[in-house]
Amino acid sequence: MFLTLTFTDVWLPLIYLYGVGGIIFLIGMIIIRKTGAIDLSLRRHRKWWRLMIFGYFYFLFLHTFFTILGLNT
């Protein structure tokens, strides 16, 4: 017996996780900039800033990739 997966079962949690989580991440990044917790004129700060943004999109891609991979089995 096969279980039929719907949009609500598969994609809605992913959209919620990275949509709501992305908004919270963006708010956090804005707060970091506004409070002066990061100085983008410093090389090491730019590195961590880029790493944080890269990390968000890396996990978004990875999660989406494995979701698609799981659906194709």
N, C-alpha and C. Protein backbone atom coordinates (compact mmCIF):
# COMPACT_ATOMS: atom_id res chain seq x y z
N MET A 1 0.85 -1.18 0.00
CA MET A 1 0.00 0.00 0.00
C MET A 1 0.88 1.24 0.00
N PHE A 2 0.64 2.15 -0.94
CA PHE A 2 1.42 3.37 -1.05
C PHE A 2 0.65 4.54 -0.47
N LEU A 3 1.37 5.41 0.17
CA LEU A 3 0.80 6.61 0.74
C LEU A 3 0.93 7.74 -0.28
N THR A 4 -0.16 8.39 -0.57
CA THR A 4 -0.13 9.51 -1.51
C THR A 4 0.22 10.78 -0.75
N LEU A 5 1.33 11.38 -1.15
CA LEU A 5 1.78 12.61 -0.52
C LEU A 5 1.22 13.80 -1.28
N THR A 6 0.70 14.75 -0.55
CA THR A 6 0.12 15.94 -1.16
C THR A 6 1.05 17.13 -0.95
N PHE A 7 0.71 18.22 -1.58
CA PHE A 7 1.46 19.47 -1.42
C PHE A 7 1.56 19.85 0.06
N THR A 8 0.47 19.69 0.77
CA THR A 8 0.42 20.04 2.19
C THR A 8 1.35 19.17 3.01
N ASP A 9 1.52 17.93 2.63
CA ASP A 9 2.38 17.00 3.37
C ASP A 9 3.87 17.24 3.11
N VAL A 10 4.20 17.67 1.91
CA VAL A 10 5.61 17.73 1.51
C VAL A 10 6.14 19.15 1.46
N TRP A 11 5.52 20.00 0.67
CA TRP A 11 6.09 21.31 0.39
C TRP A 11 5.70 22.39 1.38
N LEU A 12 4.53 22.31 1.95
CA LEU A 12 4.10 23.34 2.89
C LEU A 12 5.02 23.43 4.11
N PRO A 13 5.44 22.30 4.71
CA PRO A 13 6.38 22.42 5.83
C PRO A 13 7.72 23.05 5.43
N LEU A 14 8.20 22.72 4.24
CA LEU A 14 9.46 23.30 3.75
C LEU A 14 9.32 24.80 3.53
N ILE A 15 8.23 25.21 2.93
CA ILE A 15 7.98 26.63 2.69
C ILE A 15 7.84 27.36 4.02
N TYR A 16 7.14 26.76 4.96
CA TYR A 16 6.98 27.37 6.27
C TYR A 16 8.32 27.48 6.99
N LEU A 17 9.10 26.40 6.98
CA LEU A 17 10.38 26.38 7.68
C LEU A 17 11.32 27.46 7.16
N TYR A 18 11.48 27.54 5.85
CA TYR A 18 12.42 28.50 5.29
C TYR A 18 11.79 29.86 5.02
N GLY A 19 10.48 29.93 4.96
CA GLY A 19 9.81 31.22 4.81
C GLY A 19 9.79 31.98 6.12
N VAL A 20 9.17 31.38 7.13
CA VAL A 20 9.11 32.02 8.45
C VAL A 20 10.50 32.10 9.05
N GLY A 21 11.27 31.02 8.92
CA GLY A 21 12.64 31.04 9.43
C GLY A 21 13.49 32.07 8.71
N GLY A 22 13.27 32.24 7.42
CA GLY A 22 13.99 33.25 6.65
C GLY A 22 13.66 34.66 7.10
N ILE A 23 12.40 34.90 7.42
CA ILE A 23 12.00 36.22 7.93
C ILE A 23 12.68 36.48 9.26
N ILE A 24 12.68 35.51 10.15
CA ILE A 24 13.35 35.66 11.44
C ILE A 24 14.85 35.85 11.25
N PHE A 25 15.44 35.08 10.33
CA PHE A 25 16.86 35.23 10.02
C PHE A 25 17.15 36.63 9.50
N LEU A 26 16.32 37.12 8.59
CA LEU A 26 16.49 38.46 8.03
C LEU A 26 16.39 39.53 9.12
N ILE A 27 15.42 39.39 10.00
CA ILE A 27 15.27 40.35 11.11
C ILE A 27 16.52 40.34 11.98
N GLY A 28 17.04 39.14 12.25
CA GLY A 28 18.26 39.03 13.03
C GLY A 28 19.44 39.70 12.36
N MET A 29 19.56 39.51 11.05
CA MET A 29 20.66 40.12 10.31
C MET A 29 20.53 41.64 10.29
N ILE A 30 19.31 42.14 10.19
CA ILE A 30 19.08 43.58 10.24
C ILE A 30 19.45 44.14 11.61
N ILE A 31 19.07 43.43 12.65
CA ILE A 31 19.42 43.87 14.01
C ILE A 31 20.93 43.90 14.20
N ILE A 32 21.61 42.90 13.67
CA ILE A 32 23.07 42.86 13.76
C ILE A 32 23.67 44.10 13.10
N ARG A 33 23.15 44.47 11.94
CA ARG A 33 23.68 45.65 11.24
C ARG A 33 23.35 46.94 11.97
N LYS A 34 22.09 47.07 12.42
CA LYS A 34 21.64 48.31 13.05
C LYS A 34 22.34 48.58 14.38
N THR A 35 22.65 47.54 15.13
CA THR A 35 23.27 47.72 16.44
C THR A 35 24.78 47.91 16.35
N GLY A 36 25.33 47.72 15.17
CA GLY A 36 26.76 47.88 15.01
C GLY A 36 27.55 46.68 15.51
N ALA A 37 26.89 45.55 15.64
CA ALA A 37 27.56 44.33 16.10
C ALA A 37 28.50 43.78 15.05
N ILE A 38 28.36 44.27 13.83
CA ILE A 38 29.23 43.83 12.75
C ILE A 38 29.78 45.07 12.04
N ASP A 39 31.03 45.00 11.71
CA ASP A 39 31.68 46.08 10.99
C ASP A 39 32.16 45.50 9.65
N LEU A 40 31.41 45.76 8.61
CA LEU A 40 31.71 45.15 7.32
C LEU A 40 32.97 45.70 6.65
N SER A 41 33.60 46.68 7.28
CA SER A 41 34.88 47.12 6.75
C SER A 41 36.01 46.19 7.20
N LEU A 42 35.73 45.35 8.19
CA LEU A 42 36.71 44.35 8.64
C LEU A 42 36.54 43.07 7.84
N ARG A 43 37.67 42.53 7.43
CA ARG A 43 37.65 41.33 6.58
C ARG A 43 36.98 40.15 7.28
N ARG A 44 37.31 39.91 8.54
CA ARG A 44 36.75 38.76 9.25
C ARG A 44 35.23 38.90 9.46
N HIS A 45 34.75 40.12 9.62
CA HIS A 45 33.31 40.34 9.76
C HIS A 45 32.59 40.07 8.44
N ARG A 46 33.19 40.52 7.34
CA ARG A 46 32.59 40.24 6.03
C ARG A 46 32.54 38.74 5.78
N LYS A 47 33.59 38.04 6.19
CA LYS A 47 33.63 36.58 6.01
C LYS A 47 32.47 35.92 6.75
N TRP A 48 32.26 36.31 8.00
CA TRP A 48 31.17 35.69 8.79
C TRP A 48 29.80 36.10 8.28
N TRP A 49 29.69 37.34 7.80
CA TRP A 49 28.42 37.82 7.23
C TRP A 49 28.04 36.96 6.02
N ARG A 50 29.02 36.77 5.12
CA ARG A 50 28.78 35.94 3.94
C ARG A 50 28.53 34.49 4.31
N LEU A 51 29.22 33.99 5.30
CA LEU A 51 29.04 32.61 5.75
C LEU A 51 27.63 32.39 6.29
N MET A 52 27.11 33.34 7.03
CA MET A 52 25.74 33.22 7.55
C MET A 52 24.72 33.18 6.41
N ILE A 53 24.87 34.06 5.45
CA ILE A 53 23.94 34.09 4.32
C ILE A 53 24.08 32.82 3.48
N PHE A 54 25.32 32.43 3.21
CA PHE A 54 25.56 31.20 2.47
C PHE A 54 24.96 29.99 3.20
N GLY A 55 25.12 29.93 4.51
CA GLY A 55 24.61 28.81 5.30
C GLY A 55 23.09 28.67 5.19
N TYR A 56 22.40 29.80 5.22
CA TYR A 56 20.94 29.75 5.10
C TYR A 56 20.54 29.14 3.75
N PHE A 57 21.13 29.65 2.68
CA PHE A 57 20.77 29.14 1.35
C PHE A 57 21.30 27.73 1.10
N TYR A 58 22.42 27.38 1.72
CA TYR A 58 22.96 26.03 1.60
C TYR A 58 21.97 25.01 2.19
N PHE A 59 21.50 25.28 3.39
CA PHE A 59 20.56 24.35 4.00
C PHE A 59 19.20 24.35 3.31
N LEU A 60 18.79 25.50 2.79
CA LEU A 60 17.56 25.55 1.99
C LEU A 60 17.70 24.66 0.77
N PHE A 61 18.81 24.77 0.05
CA PHE A 61 19.05 23.94 -1.12
C PHE A 61 19.14 22.47 -0.75
N LEU A 62 19.90 22.16 0.30
CA LEU A 62 20.09 20.78 0.72
C LEU A 62 18.76 20.12 1.10
N HIS A 63 17.95 20.82 1.87
CA HIS A 63 16.66 20.30 2.30
C HIS A 63 15.73 20.10 1.10
N THR A 64 15.71 21.08 0.20
CA THR A 64 14.88 20.96 -1.00
C THR A 64 15.34 19.82 -1.89
N PHE A 65 16.66 19.70 -2.07
CA PHE A 65 17.22 18.62 -2.89
C PHE A 65 16.83 17.25 -2.35
N PHE A 66 16.98 17.04 -1.06
CA PHE A 66 16.66 15.73 -0.50
C PHE A 66 15.15 15.49 -0.44
N THR A 67 14.36 16.54 -0.36
CA THR A 67 12.91 16.36 -0.46
C THR A 67 12.54 15.88 -1.85
N ILE A 68 13.10 16.51 -2.87
CA ILE A 68 12.83 16.09 -4.24
C ILE A 68 13.34 14.66 -4.47
N LEU A 69 14.53 14.37 -3.97
CA LEU A 69 15.10 13.04 -4.10
C LEU A 69 14.20 11.99 -3.44
N GLY A 70 13.66 12.33 -2.28
CA GLY A 70 12.76 11.41 -1.58
C GLY A 70 11.45 11.18 -2.30
N LEU A 71 10.98 12.20 -3.00
CA LEU A 71 9.73 12.07 -3.74
C LEU A 71 9.90 11.23 -5.01
N ASN A 72 11.10 11.17 -5.54
CA ASN A 72 11.34 10.45 -6.77
C ASN A 72 11.65 8.98 -6.56
N THR A 73 11.61 8.50 -5.33
CA THR A 73 11.90 7.07 -5.10
C THR A 73 10.64 6.24 -5.16
